[in-house]
C-alpha atoms as a PDB file:
ATOM      1  CA  UNK A   1      15.093 -52.408  28.466  1.00  0.00           C
ATOM      2  CA  UNK A   2      13.514 -52.268  25.022  1.00  0.00           C
ATOM      3  CA  UNK A   3      11.770 -49.389  26.418  1.00  0.00           C
ATOM      4  CA  UNK A   4      14.782 -47.479  27.323  1.00  0.00           C
ATOM      5  CA  UNK A   5      16.252 -48.224  24.191  1.00  0.00           C
ATOM      6  CA  UNK A   6      13.377 -46.516  22.354  1.00  0.00           C
ATOM      7  CA  UNK A   7      13.682 -43.541  24.644  1.00  0.00           C
ATOM      8  CA  UNK A   8      17.425 -43.264  23.900  1.00  0.00           C
ATOM      9  CA  UNK A   9      16.629 -43.499  20.090  1.00  0.00           C
ATOM     10  CA  UNK A  10      13.998 -40.902  20.405  1.00  0.00           C
ATOM     11  CA  UNK A  11      16.073 -38.524  22.249  1.00  0.00           C
ATOM     12  CA  UNK A  12      19.085 -38.884  19.777  1.00  0.00           C
ATOM     13  CA  UNK A  13      16.750 -38.119  16.959  1.00  0.00           C
ATOM     14  CA  UNK A  14      15.527 -34.965  18.510  1.00  0.00           C
ATOM     15  CA  UNK A  15      19.001 -33.845  19.287  1.00  0.00           C
ATOM     16  CA  UNK A  16      19.694 -34.198  15.436  1.00  0.00           C
ATOM     17  CA  UNK A  17      17.194 -31.896  14.269  1.00  0.00           C
ATOM     18  CA  UNK A  18      17.833 -28.939  12.508  1.00  0.00           C
ATOM     19  CA  UNK A  19      15.881 -26.013  13.740  1.00  0.00           C
ATOM     20  CA  UNK A  20      14.801 -23.734  10.930  1.00  0.00           C
ATOM     21  CA  UNK A  21      14.056 -20.037  12.321  1.00  0.00           C
ATOM     22  CA  UNK A  22      15.832 -17.816  10.041  1.00  0.00           C
ATOM     23  CA  UNK A  23      12.643 -16.832   8.072  1.00  0.00           C
ATOM     24  CA  UNK A  24       9.151 -17.168   8.570  1.00  0.00           C
ATOM     25  CA  UNK A  25       7.180 -18.757   5.918  1.00  0.00           C
ATOM     26  CA  UNK A  26       3.452 -17.672   5.472  1.00  0.00           C
ATOM     27  CA  UNK A  27       0.938 -20.457   4.857  1.00  0.00           C
ATOM     28  CA  UNK A  28      -2.229 -19.413   3.174  1.00  0.00           C
ATOM     29  CA  UNK A  29      -5.497 -21.367   3.816  1.00  0.00           C
ATOM     30  CA  UNK A  30      -9.095 -20.348   2.514  1.00  0.00           C
ATOM     31  CA  UNK A  31     -12.682 -21.505   2.579  1.00  0.00           C
ATOM     32  CA  UNK A  32     -13.625 -24.926   1.073  1.00  0.00           C
ATOM     33  CA  UNK A  33      -9.934 -26.157  -0.148  1.00  0.00           C
ATOM     34  CA  UNK A  34      -7.271 -28.005   1.627  1.00  0.00           C
ATOM     35  CA  UNK A  35      -3.754 -26.612   1.636  1.00  0.00           C
ATOM     36  CA  UNK A  36      -1.035 -28.941   1.198  1.00  0.00           C
ATOM     37  CA  UNK A  37       2.422 -28.838   2.771  1.00  0.00           C
ATOM     38  CA  UNK A  38       5.386 -31.007   1.782  1.00  0.00           C
ATOM     39  CA  UNK A  39       8.344 -31.743   3.809  1.00  0.00           C
ATOM     40  CA  UNK A  40      11.657 -33.459   2.951  1.00  0.00           C
ATOM     41  CA  UNK A  41      11.412 -35.930   5.748  1.00  0.00           C
ATOM     42  CA  UNK A  42       8.483 -37.591   7.635  1.00  0.00           C
ATOM     43  CA  UNK A  43       6.364 -35.355   9.935  1.00  0.00           C
ATOM     44  CA  UNK A  44       6.508 -36.297  13.486  1.00  0.00           C
ATOM     45  CA  UNK A  45       4.104 -33.665  15.189  1.00  0.00           C
ATOM     46  CA  UNK A  46       2.163 -30.274  14.363  1.00  0.00           C
ATOM     47  CA  UNK A  47       1.305 -27.578  16.849  1.00  0.00           C
ATOM     48  CA  UNK A  48      -1.173 -25.181  15.815  1.00  0.00           C
ATOM     49  CA  UNK A  49      -1.401 -21.802  17.788  1.00  0.00           C
ATOM     50  CA  UNK A  50      -5.211 -22.034  18.065  1.00  0.00           C
ATOM     51  CA  UNK A  51      -6.167 -25.116  19.326  1.00  0.00           C
ATOM     52  CA  UNK A  52      -8.749 -23.916  21.824  1.00  0.00           C
ATOM     53  CA  UNK A  53     -10.691 -22.184  18.839  1.00  0.00           C
ATOM     54  CA  UNK A  54      -9.941 -24.990  16.342  1.00  0.00           C
ATOM     55  CA  UNK A  55      -9.736 -22.585  13.437  1.00  0.00           C
ATOM     56  CA  UNK A  56      -7.852 -25.082  11.450  1.00  0.00           C
ATOM     57  CA  UNK A  57      -7.533 -28.720  11.253  1.00  0.00           C
ATOM     58  CA  UNK A  58      -4.679 -30.937  10.174  1.00  0.00           C
ATOM     59  CA  UNK A  59      -3.797 -34.263   8.838  1.00  0.00           C
ATOM     60  CA  UNK A  60      -0.639 -35.867   8.739  1.00  0.00           C
ATOM     61  CA  UNK A  61       0.343 -38.359   6.063  1.00  0.00           C
ATOM     62  CA  UNK A  62       3.943 -39.178   5.842  1.00  0.00           C
ATOM     63  CA  UNK A  63       5.941 -36.322   4.390  1.00  0.00           C
ATOM     64  CA  UNK A  64       2.483 -34.113   4.058  1.00  0.00           C
ATOM     65  CA  UNK A  65       0.723 -31.830   6.301  1.00  0.00           C
ATOM     66  CA  UNK A  66      -3.029 -31.230   5.034  1.00  0.00           C
ATOM     67  CA  UNK A  67      -4.413 -27.903   6.500  1.00  0.00           C
ATOM     68  CA  UNK A  68      -8.258 -27.012   6.097  1.00  0.00           C
ATOM     69  CA  UNK A  69      -9.841 -23.944   7.419  1.00  0.00           C
ATOM     70  CA  UNK A  70     -12.979 -24.748   9.634  1.00  0.00           C
ATOM     71  CA  UNK A  71     -14.097 -20.986   9.367  1.00  0.00           C
ATOM     72  CA  UNK A  72     -12.692 -17.632   8.406  1.00  0.00           C
ATOM     73  CA  UNK A  73     -10.282 -16.051  10.990  1.00  0.00           C
ATOM     74  CA  UNK A  74      -8.921 -12.321  10.976  1.00  0.00           C
ATOM     75  CA  UNK A  75      -5.757 -12.909  12.835  1.00  0.00           C
ATOM     76  CA  UNK A  76      -2.625 -14.666  12.044  1.00  0.00           C
ATOM     77  CA  UNK A  77      -1.718 -17.698  13.943  1.00  0.00           C
ATOM     78  CA  UNK A  78       1.705 -19.788  14.280  1.00  0.00           C
ATOM     79  CA  UNK A  79       2.263 -23.256  13.449  1.00  0.00           C
ATOM     80  CA  UNK A  80       5.349 -25.445  14.361  1.00  0.00           C
ATOM     81  CA  UNK A  81       6.056 -28.589  12.208  1.00  0.00           C
ATOM     82  CA  UNK A  82       8.481 -31.101  13.551  1.00  0.00           C
ATOM     83  CA  UNK A  83       9.711 -33.675  11.045  1.00  0.00           C
ATOM     84  CA  UNK A  84      12.384 -36.262  11.590  1.00  0.00           C
ATOM     85  CA  UNK A  85      15.207 -33.931  10.589  1.00  0.00           C
ATOM     86  CA  UNK A  86      13.883 -30.163  10.947  1.00  0.00           C
ATOM     87  CA  UNK A  87      11.746 -27.815  12.869  1.00  0.00           C
ATOM     88  CA  UNK A  88       9.573 -25.428  10.773  1.00  0.00           C
ATOM     89  CA  UNK A  89       7.866 -22.260  12.479  1.00  0.00           C
ATOM     90  CA  UNK A  90       5.197 -20.927  10.023  1.00  0.00           C
ATOM     91  CA  UNK A  91       2.469 -18.271  10.232  1.00  0.00           C
ATOM     92  CA  UNK A  92      -1.004 -19.557   9.055  1.00  0.00           C
ATOM     93  CA  UNK A  93      -3.318 -16.713   7.524  1.00  0.00           C
ATOM     94  CA  UNK A  94      -6.915 -16.878   6.045  1.00  0.00           C
ATOM     95  CA  UNK A  95      -7.409 -15.172   2.743  1.00  0.00           C
ATOM     96  CA  UNK A  96     -10.360 -15.000   0.424  1.00  0.00           C
ATOM     97  CA  UNK A  97     -10.410 -15.196  -2.671  1.00  0.00           C
ATOM     98  CA  UNK A  98      -6.984 -16.821  -3.128  1.00  0.00           C
ATOM     99  CA  UNK A  99      -4.679 -18.051  -5.858  1.00  0.00           C
ATOM    100  CA  UNK A 100      -4.923 -21.839  -5.829  1.00  0.00           C
ATOM    101  CA  UNK A 101      -1.208 -22.024  -6.691  1.00  0.00           C
ATOM    102  CA  UNK A 102      -0.741 -20.622  -2.951  1.00  0.00           C
ATOM    103  CA  UNK A 103      -2.284 -23.842  -1.414  1.00  0.00           C
ATOM    104  CA  UNK A 104       0.442 -26.048  -2.500  1.00  0.00           C
ATOM    105  CA  UNK A 105       3.967 -25.500  -0.644  1.00  0.00           C
ATOM    106  CA  UNK A 106       6.763 -27.782  -1.162  1.00  0.00           C
ATOM    107  CA  UNK A 107       9.732 -27.625   1.251  1.00  0.00           C
ATOM    108  CA  UNK A 108      11.349 -30.683  -0.136  1.00  0.00           C
ATOM    109  CA  UNK A 109      12.649 -29.134  -3.282  1.00  0.00           C
ATOM    110  CA  UNK A 110      16.171 -27.961  -2.455  1.00  0.00           C
ATOM    111  CA  UNK A 111      16.718 -25.838   0.950  1.00  0.00           C
ATOM    112  CA  UNK A 112      13.663 -24.418   2.367  1.00  0.00           C
ATOM    113  CA  UNK A 113      13.239 -20.684   2.119  1.00  0.00           C
ATOM    114  CA  UNK A 114      14.103 -20.177   5.588  1.00  0.00           C
ATOM    115  CA  UNK A 115      17.580 -21.951   5.064  1.00  0.00           C
ATOM    116  CA  UNK A 116      18.164 -20.171   1.811  1.00  0.00           C
ATOM    117  CA  UNK A 117      17.702 -16.698   2.955  1.00  0.00           C
ATOM    118  CA  UNK A 118      20.874 -15.897   4.932  1.00  0.00           C
ATOM    119  CA  UNK A 119      21.322 -12.229   4.372  1.00  0.00           C
ATOM    120  CA  UNK A 120      19.273 -10.233   7.343  1.00  0.00           C
ATOM    121  CA  UNK A 121      18.098  -7.561   4.963  1.00  0.00           C
ATOM    122  CA  UNK A 122      17.013  -9.976   2.373  1.00  0.00           C
ATOM    123  CA  UNK A 123      15.112 -12.217   5.045  1.00  0.00           C
ATOM    124  CA  UNK A 124      13.394  -8.883   6.491  1.00  0.00           C
ATOM    125  CA  UNK A 125      12.288  -7.997   2.798  1.00  0.00           C
ATOM    126  CA  UNK A 126      11.023 -11.404   1.979  1.00  0.00           C
ATOM    127  CA  UNK A 127       8.940 -11.351   5.204  1.00  0.00           C
ATOM    128  CA  UNK A 128       7.749  -7.802   4.863  1.00  0.00           C
ATOM    129  CA  UNK A 129       6.559  -8.625   1.293  1.00  0.00           C
ATOM    130  CA  UNK A 130       4.632 -11.505   2.441  1.00  0.00           C
ATOM    131  CA  UNK A 131       2.987  -9.343   5.372  1.00  0.00           C
ATOM    132  CA  UNK A 132       1.989  -6.743   3.024  1.00  0.00           C
ATOM    133  CA  UNK A 133       0.123  -9.098   0.702  1.00  0.00           C
ATOM    134  CA  UNK A 134      -1.569 -10.580   3.781  1.00  0.00           C
ATOM    135  CA  UNK A 135      -2.675  -7.343   4.942  1.00  0.00           C
ATOM    136  CA  UNK A 136      -4.633  -6.664   1.754  1.00  0.00           C
ATOM    137  CA  UNK A 137      -6.319  -9.958   1.758  1.00  0.00           C
ATOM    138  CA  UNK A 138      -7.121 -10.423   5.610  1.00  0.00           C
ATOM    139  CA  UNK A 139     -10.725 -11.198   6.265  1.00  0.00           C
ATOM    140  CA  UNK A 140     -12.765  -8.431   8.502  1.00  0.00           C
ATOM    141  CA  UNK A 141     -14.899 -10.367  10.691  1.00  0.00           C
ATOM    142  CA  UNK A 142     -15.398  -7.702  13.625  1.00  0.00           C
ATOM    143  CA  UNK A 143     -16.855  -4.787  11.667  1.00  0.00           C
ATOM    144  CA  UNK A 144     -16.146  -1.196  12.696  1.00  0.00           C
ATOM    145  CA  UNK A 145     -18.265   2.071  12.471  1.00  0.00           C
ATOM    146  CA  UNK A 146     -16.081   3.279   9.582  1.00  0.00           C
ATOM    147  CA  UNK A 147     -18.306   6.766   9.508  1.00  0.00           C
ATOM    148  CA  UNK A 148     -16.962   7.449  13.012  1.00  0.00           C
ATOM    149  CA  UNK A 149     -13.489   6.167  12.520  1.00  0.00           C
ATOM    150  CA  UNK A 150     -13.340   8.227   9.391  1.00  0.00           C
ATOM    151  CA  UNK A 151     -14.380  11.291  11.283  1.00  0.00           C
ATOM    152  CA  UNK A 152     -11.972  10.787  13.978  1.00  0.00           C
ATOM    153  CA  UNK A 153      -9.217  10.282  11.587  1.00  0.00           C
ATOM    154  CA  UNK A 154     -10.124  13.365   9.604  1.00  0.00           C
ATOM    155  CA  UNK A 155      -9.884  15.568  12.810  1.00  0.00           C
ATOM    156  CA  UNK A 156      -6.780  13.875  13.886  1.00  0.00           C
ATOM    157  CA  UNK A 157      -5.080  14.646  10.809  1.00  0.00           C
ATOM    158  CA  UNK A 158      -5.661  18.385  11.142  1.00  0.00           C
ATOM    159  CA  UNK A 159      -3.765  18.273  14.575  1.00  0.00           C
ATOM    160  CA  UNK A 160      -0.068  19.001  14.285  1.00  0.00           C
ATOM    161  CA  UNK A 161       2.733  18.020  16.849  1.00  0.00           C
ATOM    162  CA  UNK A 162       6.423  18.812  16.640  1.00  0.00           C
ATOM    163  CA  UNK A 163       8.953  15.992  16.504  1.00  0.00           C
ATOM    164  CA  UNK A 164       8.497  12.515  15.253  1.00  0.00           C
ATOM    165  CA  UNK A 165       8.267   8.798  16.410  1.00  0.00           C
ATOM    166  CA  UNK A 166      10.276   7.627  13.360  1.00  0.00           C
ATOM    167  CA  UNK A 167      11.210   8.995  10.053  1.00  0.00           C
ATOM    168  CA  UNK A 168      13.107   8.102   6.979  1.00  0.00           C
ATOM    169  CA  UNK A 169      14.506   9.971   3.876  1.00  0.00           C
ATOM    170  CA  UNK A 170      14.824   8.404   0.476  1.00  0.00           C
ATOM    171  CA  UNK A 171      16.038  10.925  -2.252  1.00  0.00           C
ATOM    172  CA  UNK A 172      13.923  13.945  -2.143  1.00  0.00           C
ATOM    173  CA  UNK A 173      11.174  12.307  -0.098  1.00  0.00           C
ATOM    174  CA  UNK A 174      10.854  12.305   3.840  1.00  0.00           C
ATOM    175  CA  UNK A 175       8.415  10.277   5.425  1.00  0.00           C
ATOM    176  CA  UNK A 176       7.847  10.141   9.158  1.00  0.00           C
ATOM    177  CA  UNK A 177       5.214   8.908  11.974  1.00  0.00           C
ATOM    178  CA  UNK A 178       4.276  12.326  13.789  1.00  0.00           C
ATOM    179  CA  UNK A 179       1.914  10.659  16.310  1.00  0.00           C
ATOM    180  CA  UNK A 180      -0.135   7.696  17.218  1.00  0.00           C
ATOM    181  CA  UNK A 181      -3.587   7.632  19.027  1.00  0.00           C
ATOM    182  CA  UNK A 182      -5.326   4.593  20.516  1.00  0.00           C
ATOM    183  CA  UNK A 183      -9.100   4.721  20.858  1.00  0.00           C
ATOM    184  CA  UNK A 184     -11.606   2.064  21.036  1.00  0.00           C
ATOM    185  CA  UNK A 185      -9.083  -0.701  20.197  1.00  0.00           C
ATOM    186  CA  UNK A 186      -7.978   1.039  17.148  1.00  0.00           C
ATOM    187  CA  UNK A 187      -4.856   2.569  16.316  1.00  0.00           C
ATOM    188  CA  UNK A 188      -4.620   5.911  14.389  1.00  0.00           C
ATOM    189  CA  UNK A 189      -1.362   6.651  12.983  1.00  0.00           C
ATOM    190  CA  UNK A 190      -0.779  10.235  11.584  1.00  0.00           C
ATOM    191  CA  UNK A 191       1.964  10.354   9.101  1.00  0.00           C
ATOM    192  CA  UNK A 192       3.786  13.256   7.316  1.00  0.00           C
ATOM    193  CA  UNK A 193       5.266  13.445   4.056  1.00  0.00           C
ATOM    194  CA  UNK A 194       7.578  15.991   2.201  1.00  0.00           C
ATOM    195  CA  UNK A 195       8.449  16.118  -1.260  1.00  0.00           C
ATOM    196  CA  UNK A 196      11.479  18.438  -2.110  1.00  0.00           C
ATOM    197  CA  UNK A 197      11.634  17.218  -5.740  1.00  0.00           C
ATOM    198  CA  UNK A 198      10.249  18.926  -8.749  1.00  0.00           C
ATOM    199  CA  UNK A 199       7.744  16.231  -9.629  1.00  0.00           C
ATOM    200  CA  UNK A 200       4.949  14.795  -7.909  1.00  0.00           C
ATOM    201  CA  UNK A 201       4.683  11.258  -6.169  1.00  0.00           C
ATOM    202  CA  UNK A 202       1.744   8.915  -6.081  1.00  0.00           C
ATOM    203  CA  UNK A 203       1.206   7.075  -2.746  1.00  0.00           C
ATOM    204  CA  UNK A 204      -0.382   3.841  -3.830  1.00  0.00           C
ATOM    205  CA  UNK A 205      -1.080   2.046  -0.526  1.00  0.00           C
ATOM    206  CA  UNK A 206       0.310   1.811   3.020  1.00  0.00           C
ATOM    207  CA  UNK A 207       0.251  -1.108   5.512  1.00  0.00           C
ATOM    208  CA  UNK A 208       1.752  -2.050   8.859  1.00  0.00           C
ATOM    209  CA  UNK A 209       3.373  -5.159  10.298  1.00  0.00           C
ATOM    210  CA  UNK A 210       4.532  -5.875  13.677  1.00  0.00           C
ATOM    211  CA  UNK A 211       7.714  -7.709  14.614  1.00  0.00           C
ATOM    212  CA  UNK A 212       7.178  -9.887  18.011  1.00  0.00           C
ATOM    213  CA  UNK A 213      10.279  -9.610  20.094  1.00  0.00           C
ATOM    214  CA  UNK A 214       9.319 -12.960  21.518  1.00  0.00           C
ATOM    215  CA  UNK A 215       8.988 -15.120  18.405  1.00  0.00           C
ATOM    216  CA  UNK A 216      10.831 -12.777  15.885  1.00  0.00           C
ATOM    217  CA  UNK A 217       7.912 -13.474  13.606  1.00  0.00           C
ATOM    218  CA  UNK A 218       6.159 -10.677  11.324  1.00  0.00           C
ATOM    219  CA  UNK A 219       2.504 -10.215  11.816  1.00  0.00           C
ATOM    220  CA  UNK A 220       0.337  -8.434   9.509  1.00  0.00           C
ATOM    221  CA  UNK A 221      -2.056  -5.909  11.400  1.00  0.00           C
ATOM    222  CA  UNK A 222      -5.342  -5.486   9.933  1.00  0.00           C
ATOM    223  CA  UNK A 223      -6.069  -2.304   8.051  1.00  0.00           C
ATOM    224  CA  UNK A 224      -9.659  -1.174   9.403  1.00  0.00           C
ATOM    225  CA  UNK A 225      -9.802   2.072   7.179  1.00  0.00           C
ATOM    226  CA  UNK A 226      -7.851   1.900   4.026  1.00  0.00           C
ATOM    227  CA  UNK A 227      -6.196   5.020   2.478  1.00  0.00           C
ATOM    228  CA  UNK A 228      -7.070   5.796  -1.184  1.00  0.00           C
ATOM    229  CA  UNK A 229      -4.228   6.331  -3.552  1.00  0.00           C
ATOM    230  CA  UNK A 230      -2.871  10.068  -3.182  1.00  0.00           C
ATOM    231  CA  UNK A 231      -0.736  12.300  -4.956  1.00  0.00           C
ATOM    232  CA  UNK A 232       2.069  13.998  -3.055  1.00  0.00           C
ATOM    233  CA  UNK A 233       2.716  17.449  -5.193  1.00  0.00           C
ATOM    234  CA  UNK A 234       6.074  18.680  -5.864  1.00  0.00           C
ATOM    235  CA  UNK A 235       7.591  20.894  -3.426  1.00  0.00           C
ATOM    236  CA  UNK A 236       4.986  20.228  -1.054  1.00  0.00           C
ATOM    237  CA  UNK A 237       3.741  18.108   2.022  1.00  0.00           C
ATOM    238  CA  UNK A 238       0.573  16.303   3.182  1.00  0.00           C
ATOM    239  CA  UNK A 239      -0.611  14.398   6.353  1.00  0.00           C
ATOM    240  CA  UNK A 240      -2.321  11.044   6.076  1.00  0.00           C
ATOM    241  CA  UNK A 241      -4.102   8.950   8.992  1.00  0.00           C
ATOM    242  CA  UNK A 242      -4.108   5.410   8.750  1.00  0.00           C
ATOM    243  CA  UNK A 243      -6.481   3.265  11.030  1.00  0.00           C
ATOM    244  CA  UNK A 244      -5.415  -0.347  12.143  1.00  0.00           C
ATOM    245  CA  UNK A 245      -6.614  -2.704  14.660  1.00  0.00           C
ATOM    246  CA  UNK A 246      -4.781  -2.332  17.941  1.00  0.00           C
ATOM    247  CA  UNK A 247      -2.394  -5.242  18.733  1.00  0.00           C
ATOM    248  CA  UNK A 248      -1.004  -6.186  22.177  1.00  0.00           C
ATOM    249  CA  UNK A 249       2.485  -4.359  21.709  1.00  0.00           C
ATOM    250  CA  UNK A 250       5.423  -5.072  23.983  1.00  0.00           C
ATOM    251  CA  UNK A 251       7.917  -2.434  24.484  1.00  0.00           C
ATOM    252  CA  UNK A 252      10.818  -4.792  22.693  1.00  0.00           C
ATOM    253  CA  UNK A 253       8.571  -5.190  19.784  1.00  0.00           C
ATOM    254  CA  UNK A 254       8.722  -3.277  16.309  1.00  0.00           C
ATOM    255  CA  UNK A 255       6.480  -2.078  13.920  1.00  0.00           C
ATOM    256  CA  UNK A 256       7.210  -1.398   9.995  1.00  0.00           C
ATOM    257  CA  UNK A 257       5.167   0.727   7.815  1.00  0.00           C
ATOM    258  CA  UNK A 258       5.466  -0.430   4.055  1.00  0.00           C
ATOM    259  CA  UNK A 259       4.708   2.032   1.536  1.00  0.00           C
ATOM    260  CA  UNK A 260       4.165   1.425  -2.189  1.00  0.00           C
ATOM    261  CA  UNK A 261       5.027   4.206  -4.325  1.00  0.00           C
ATOM    262  CA  UNK A 262       3.887   4.475  -8.289  1.00  0.00           C
ATOM    263  CA  UNK A 263       6.451   3.423 -10.895  1.00  0.00           C
ATOM    264  CA  UNK A 264       8.983   2.550  -7.828  1.00  0.00           C
ATOM    265  CA  UNK A 265       9.249  -1.215  -7.482  1.00  0.00           C
ATOM    266  CA  UNK A 266      10.787  -1.452  -4.212  1.00  0.00           C
ATOM    267  CA  UNK A 267       8.412  -0.141  -1.163  1.00  0.00           C
ATOM    268  CA  UNK A 268       9.721   2.316   1.396  1.00  0.00           C
ATOM    269  CA  UNK A 269       9.975   0.655   4.826  1.00  0.00           C
ATOM    270  CA  UNK A 270       9.998   2.587   8.027  1.00  0.00           C
ATOM    271  CA  UNK A 271      11.070   0.782  11.250  1.00  0.00           C
ATOM    272  CA  UNK A 272       9.370   1.942  14.457  1.00  0.00           C
ATOM    273  CA  UNK A 273      10.520   0.872  17.797  1.00  0.00           C
ATOM    274  CA  UNK A 274       7.567   0.176  20.076  1.00  0.00           C
ATOM    275  CA  UNK A 275       9.497   1.768  22.890  1.00  0.00           C
ATOM    276  CA  UNK A 276       9.182   5.276  21.062  1.00  0.00           C
ATOM    277  CA  UNK A 277       5.503   5.118  21.057  1.00  0.00           C
ATOM    278  CA  UNK A 278       3.394   6.778  23.978  1.00  0.00           C
ATOM    279  CA  UNK A 279       3.255   4.663  27.066  1.00  0.00           C
ATOM    280  CA  UNK A 280      -0.471   4.197  27.044  1.00  0.00           C
ATOM    281  CA  UNK A 281      -0.333   2.495  23.597  1.00  0.00           C
ATOM    282  CA  UNK A 282       1.531  -0.389  25.306  1.00  0.00           C
ATOM    283  CA  UNK A 283      -0.899  -1.000  27.750  1.00  0.00           C
ATOM    284  CA  UNK A 284      -3.464  -3.774  27.201  1.00  0.00           C
ATOM    285  CA  UNK A 285      -7.173  -2.832  26.494  1.00  0.00           C
END
């Protein structure tokens, strides 16, 4: 009878949980340091998406979850934290070096970021900003032959193809994805820029993030061959090829190109539906 009462109380408690899925917070871990997560209620359990490889270890201490990276890892993993009142869906990324202030995350101060963000566009902007930062600091473990990749990218840049997979216009700037090629587990993305203004524009950096339809989480995709800052002349156009690691993409997923221009605070964001990509890009391998 006592056991039945306990089971009933546990079930009632779980039914009262608030699920926090609105926005995905990114948690940073690094070598030789502990990341502390503080929650407003006692933590019941934690599930990490990398339990087989044991890239991270965690310790529960009341309202605290202590995370420690066992070794560098290049990909992003997910983490679900279940407290007595809420469920948190988080992304864990390894960075090196890192600002130590990022290793102390407090969800107990007022509403969590996930609850506070209610506007869909604002949620997306926050997630893309986090993804963009994560791309710049992802650790490259599986090295590639950058000389060969650079040669392929240079040759691919000279190829022209009519039409586009996705495009956007902002003021006098047109930015579009002309074509995509997958080779040796790398994606070569060819972009075309057009500047109709009378002044040049400097393209500072570009990164790509992927939104999974299965989890709605945004994941940074590792840039394998970074593009140097480049000037887009006035009344002119140019092509660039960005090389990233080839992820497993479902046709329902979405890619986001995030571009930072000099002296323009808000980045350009181009949304690309995976269903518009060549079919072989969606095939594994």
